[in-house]
Amino acid sequence: MFDLINDNGLNYYSVSSFEETGAVRHGFSTRTGGVSEGCYSSMNLRSHSGDDWKKVLENFRRITAALGMERDSLVLSK
């Protein structure tokens, strides 16, 4: 059902049934592969967490690159 994908040290999960439709590009991030430090390490994607905004943006750049997407096209959930 879920596949763990590793893209150059960045891990995310993919749902095989979503992939099979070809209608949606998606991924569920893990904490692995980002640049945030301390209590936010490593793949922090929360913009209002108190983390360094430049690091959050770099984390978004990394996950969107792995997914082959632009940040502006993301739909996010809490």
N, C-alpha and C. Protein backbone atom coordinates (compact mmCIF):
# COMPACT_ATOMS: atom_id res chain seq x y z
N MET A 1 0.82 -1.18 0.00
CA MET A 1 0.00 0.00 0.00
C MET A 1 0.86 1.25 0.00
N PHE A 2 1.76 1.42 0.98
CA PHE A 2 2.70 2.53 1.02
C PHE A 2 4.07 2.04 0.58
N ASP A 3 4.75 2.85 -0.22
CA ASP A 3 6.12 2.55 -0.63
C ASP A 3 7.03 3.62 -0.07
N LEU A 4 8.13 3.22 0.56
CA LEU A 4 9.12 4.18 1.03
C LEU A 4 10.07 4.46 -0.12
N ILE A 5 10.17 5.73 -0.50
CA ILE A 5 11.03 6.16 -1.59
C ILE A 5 12.22 6.89 -1.00
N ASN A 6 13.42 6.57 -1.47
CA ASN A 6 14.62 7.30 -1.06
C ASN A 6 15.16 8.01 -2.29
N ASP A 7 15.25 9.32 -2.21
CA ASP A 7 15.77 10.14 -3.31
C ASP A 7 16.98 10.90 -2.80
N ASN A 8 18.17 10.35 -2.99
CA ASN A 8 19.42 10.98 -2.55
C ASN A 8 19.39 11.34 -1.07
N GLY A 9 18.94 10.43 -0.22
CA GLY A 9 18.93 10.65 1.21
C GLY A 9 17.66 11.27 1.76
N LEU A 10 16.77 11.70 0.89
CA LEU A 10 15.48 12.23 1.30
C LEU A 10 14.45 11.12 1.20
N ASN A 11 13.77 10.82 2.30
CA ASN A 11 12.78 9.75 2.31
C ASN A 11 11.37 10.31 2.31
N TYR A 12 10.50 9.69 1.51
CA TYR A 12 9.08 10.02 1.56
C TYR A 12 8.29 8.77 1.19
N TYR A 13 7.03 8.78 1.56
CA TYR A 13 6.15 7.67 1.25
C TYR A 13 5.26 8.00 0.07
N SER A 14 4.95 6.99 -0.71
CA SER A 14 4.06 7.09 -1.85
C SER A 14 2.99 6.01 -1.73
N VAL A 15 1.78 6.32 -2.16
CA VAL A 15 0.68 5.35 -2.13
C VAL A 15 0.55 4.77 -3.53
N SER A 16 0.77 3.48 -3.65
CA SER A 16 0.80 2.85 -4.97
C SER A 16 -0.52 3.02 -5.73
N SER A 17 -1.65 2.97 -5.04
CA SER A 17 -2.93 3.13 -5.75
C SER A 17 -3.10 4.54 -6.29
N PHE A 18 -2.52 5.54 -5.64
CA PHE A 18 -2.53 6.91 -6.19
C PHE A 18 -1.68 6.97 -7.45
N GLU A 19 -0.50 6.36 -7.39
CA GLU A 19 0.41 6.35 -8.53
C GLU A 19 -0.22 5.68 -9.74
N GLU A 20 -0.94 4.61 -9.50
CA GLU A 20 -1.54 3.85 -10.60
C GLU A 20 -2.57 4.66 -11.39
N THR A 21 -3.20 5.65 -10.77
CA THR A 21 -4.20 6.46 -11.49
C THR A 21 -3.55 7.39 -12.49
N GLY A 22 -2.33 7.82 -12.21
CA GLY A 22 -1.66 8.80 -13.06
C GLY A 22 -2.25 10.19 -12.95
N ALA A 23 -3.22 10.37 -12.05
CA ALA A 23 -3.93 11.65 -11.93
C ALA A 23 -3.34 12.59 -10.89
N VAL A 24 -2.54 12.06 -9.99
CA VAL A 24 -2.04 12.90 -8.90
C VAL A 24 -0.57 12.56 -8.62
N ARG A 25 0.21 13.60 -8.44
CA ARG A 25 1.60 13.43 -7.99
C ARG A 25 1.57 13.74 -6.50
N HIS A 26 2.17 12.89 -5.70
CA HIS A 26 2.05 13.07 -4.25
C HIS A 26 3.25 12.48 -3.53
N GLY A 27 3.33 12.77 -2.25
CA GLY A 27 4.32 12.19 -1.37
C GLY A 27 4.03 12.61 0.05
N PHE A 28 4.36 11.75 0.99
CA PHE A 28 4.21 12.03 2.41
C PHE A 28 5.62 12.06 2.99
N SER A 29 6.05 13.24 3.41
CA SER A 29 7.43 13.40 3.85
C SER A 29 7.69 12.70 5.17
N THR A 30 8.96 12.37 5.36
CA THR A 30 9.45 11.89 6.65
C THR A 30 10.36 12.98 7.21
N ARG A 31 11.03 12.74 8.28
CA ARG A 31 11.94 13.73 8.86
C ARG A 31 13.33 13.63 8.24
N THR A 32 13.56 12.70 7.33
CA THR A 32 14.89 12.43 6.79
C THR A 32 15.15 13.20 5.52
N GLY A 33 16.32 13.87 5.46
CA GLY A 33 16.77 14.49 4.23
C GLY A 33 16.72 15.99 4.18
N GLY A 34 16.35 16.64 5.28
CA GLY A 34 16.26 18.09 5.31
C GLY A 34 17.47 18.74 5.94
N VAL A 35 17.38 20.06 6.12
CA VAL A 35 18.51 20.83 6.63
C VAL A 35 18.25 21.47 7.99
N SER A 36 17.03 21.38 8.51
CA SER A 36 16.74 21.99 9.80
C SER A 36 17.50 21.28 10.91
N GLU A 37 17.71 22.01 12.00
CA GLU A 37 18.53 21.48 13.09
C GLU A 37 17.78 21.52 14.41
N GLY A 38 18.38 20.87 15.40
CA GLY A 38 17.82 20.89 16.75
C GLY A 38 16.48 20.19 16.80
N CYS A 39 15.53 20.80 17.51
CA CYS A 39 14.21 20.18 17.67
C CYS A 39 13.43 20.14 16.36
N TYR A 40 13.89 20.85 15.32
CA TYR A 40 13.22 20.86 14.02
C TYR A 40 13.83 19.88 13.03
N SER A 41 14.89 19.20 13.44
CA SER A 41 15.62 18.38 12.48
C SER A 41 14.77 17.23 11.97
N SER A 42 14.90 16.90 10.77
CA SER A 42 15.71 17.48 9.73
C SER A 42 14.83 18.08 8.64
N MET A 43 13.74 17.41 8.28
CA MET A 43 12.85 17.85 7.20
C MET A 43 11.65 18.59 7.79
N ASN A 44 11.89 19.76 8.38
CA ASN A 44 10.79 20.56 8.91
C ASN A 44 10.13 21.34 7.78
N LEU A 45 8.82 21.18 7.60
CA LEU A 45 8.08 21.89 6.56
C LEU A 45 7.03 22.83 7.15
N ARG A 46 7.12 23.08 8.43
CA ARG A 46 6.16 23.99 9.08
C ARG A 46 6.68 25.41 9.04
N SER A 47 5.97 26.27 8.34
CA SER A 47 6.42 27.64 8.15
C SER A 47 6.30 28.50 9.40
N HIS A 48 5.45 28.15 10.34
CA HIS A 48 5.24 28.95 11.54
C HIS A 48 5.70 28.22 12.79
N SER A 49 6.81 27.51 12.69
CA SER A 49 7.27 26.69 13.80
C SER A 49 8.34 27.36 14.65
N GLY A 50 8.91 28.45 14.16
CA GLY A 50 10.03 29.06 14.85
C GLY A 50 11.37 28.66 14.23
N ASP A 51 11.35 27.75 13.29
CA ASP A 51 12.54 27.32 12.57
C ASP A 51 13.01 28.46 11.65
N ASP A 52 14.26 28.45 11.30
CA ASP A 52 14.83 29.41 10.34
C ASP A 52 14.10 29.27 9.01
N TRP A 53 13.48 30.35 8.54
CA TRP A 53 12.67 30.32 7.32
C TRP A 53 13.47 29.88 6.11
N LYS A 54 14.75 30.24 6.03
CA LYS A 54 15.58 29.81 4.90
C LYS A 54 15.75 28.29 4.89
N LYS A 55 15.83 27.70 6.06
CA LYS A 55 15.95 26.24 6.14
C LYS A 55 14.64 25.57 5.74
N VAL A 56 13.53 26.14 6.16
CA VAL A 56 12.22 25.59 5.77
C VAL A 56 12.07 25.65 4.25
N LEU A 57 12.45 26.78 3.65
CA LEU A 57 12.38 26.91 2.19
C LEU A 57 13.27 25.90 1.49
N GLU A 58 14.47 25.67 2.03
CA GLU A 58 15.35 24.66 1.45
C GLU A 58 14.74 23.26 1.56
N ASN A 59 14.09 22.98 2.68
CA ASN A 59 13.41 21.70 2.83
C ASN A 59 12.32 21.55 1.79
N PHE A 60 11.54 22.61 1.55
CA PHE A 60 10.52 22.56 0.50
C PHE A 60 11.15 22.37 -0.87
N ARG A 61 12.27 23.03 -1.12
CA ARG A 61 12.95 22.87 -2.40
C ARG A 61 13.35 21.42 -2.60
N ARG A 62 13.86 20.79 -1.55
CA ARG A 62 14.30 19.39 -1.65
C ARG A 62 13.15 18.43 -1.89
N ILE A 63 12.05 18.58 -1.14
CA ILE A 63 10.94 17.64 -1.31
C ILE A 63 10.26 17.85 -2.65
N THR A 64 10.11 19.09 -3.09
CA THR A 64 9.47 19.31 -4.39
C THR A 64 10.36 18.83 -5.53
N ALA A 65 11.66 18.95 -5.39
CA ALA A 65 12.58 18.43 -6.41
C ALA A 65 12.45 16.91 -6.49
N ALA A 66 12.37 16.25 -5.35
CA ALA A 66 12.23 14.79 -5.33
C ALA A 66 10.91 14.36 -5.98
N LEU A 67 9.87 15.16 -5.80
CA LEU A 67 8.55 14.83 -6.35
C LEU A 67 8.37 15.34 -7.77
N GLY A 68 9.33 16.16 -8.26
CA GLY A 68 9.21 16.72 -9.60
C GLY A 68 8.12 17.77 -9.70
N MET A 69 8.00 18.60 -8.65
CA MET A 69 6.94 19.61 -8.56
C MET A 69 7.52 20.98 -8.24
N GLU A 70 6.70 22.01 -8.44
CA GLU A 70 7.02 23.36 -7.99
C GLU A 70 6.33 23.58 -6.65
N ARG A 71 6.96 24.36 -5.77
CA ARG A 71 6.38 24.61 -4.44
C ARG A 71 5.00 25.23 -4.53
N ASP A 72 4.79 26.11 -5.51
CA ASP A 72 3.50 26.79 -5.64
C ASP A 72 2.36 25.85 -6.02
N SER A 73 2.67 24.65 -6.47
CA SER A 73 1.62 23.72 -6.88
C SER A 73 1.26 22.73 -5.76
N LEU A 74 1.88 22.86 -4.59
CA LEU A 74 1.62 21.93 -3.51
C LEU A 74 0.26 22.18 -2.85
N VAL A 75 -0.36 21.11 -2.43
CA VAL A 75 -1.53 21.17 -1.55
C VAL A 75 -1.08 20.51 -0.25
N LEU A 76 -1.13 21.25 0.85
CA LEU A 76 -0.60 20.77 2.11
C LEU A 76 -1.70 20.49 3.11
N SER A 77 -1.42 19.60 4.05
CA SER A 77 -2.35 19.31 5.14
C SER A 77 -1.63 19.45 6.47
N LYS A 78 -2.40 19.59 7.51
CA LYS A 78 -1.82 19.66 8.87
C LYS A 78 -1.98 18.32 9.52
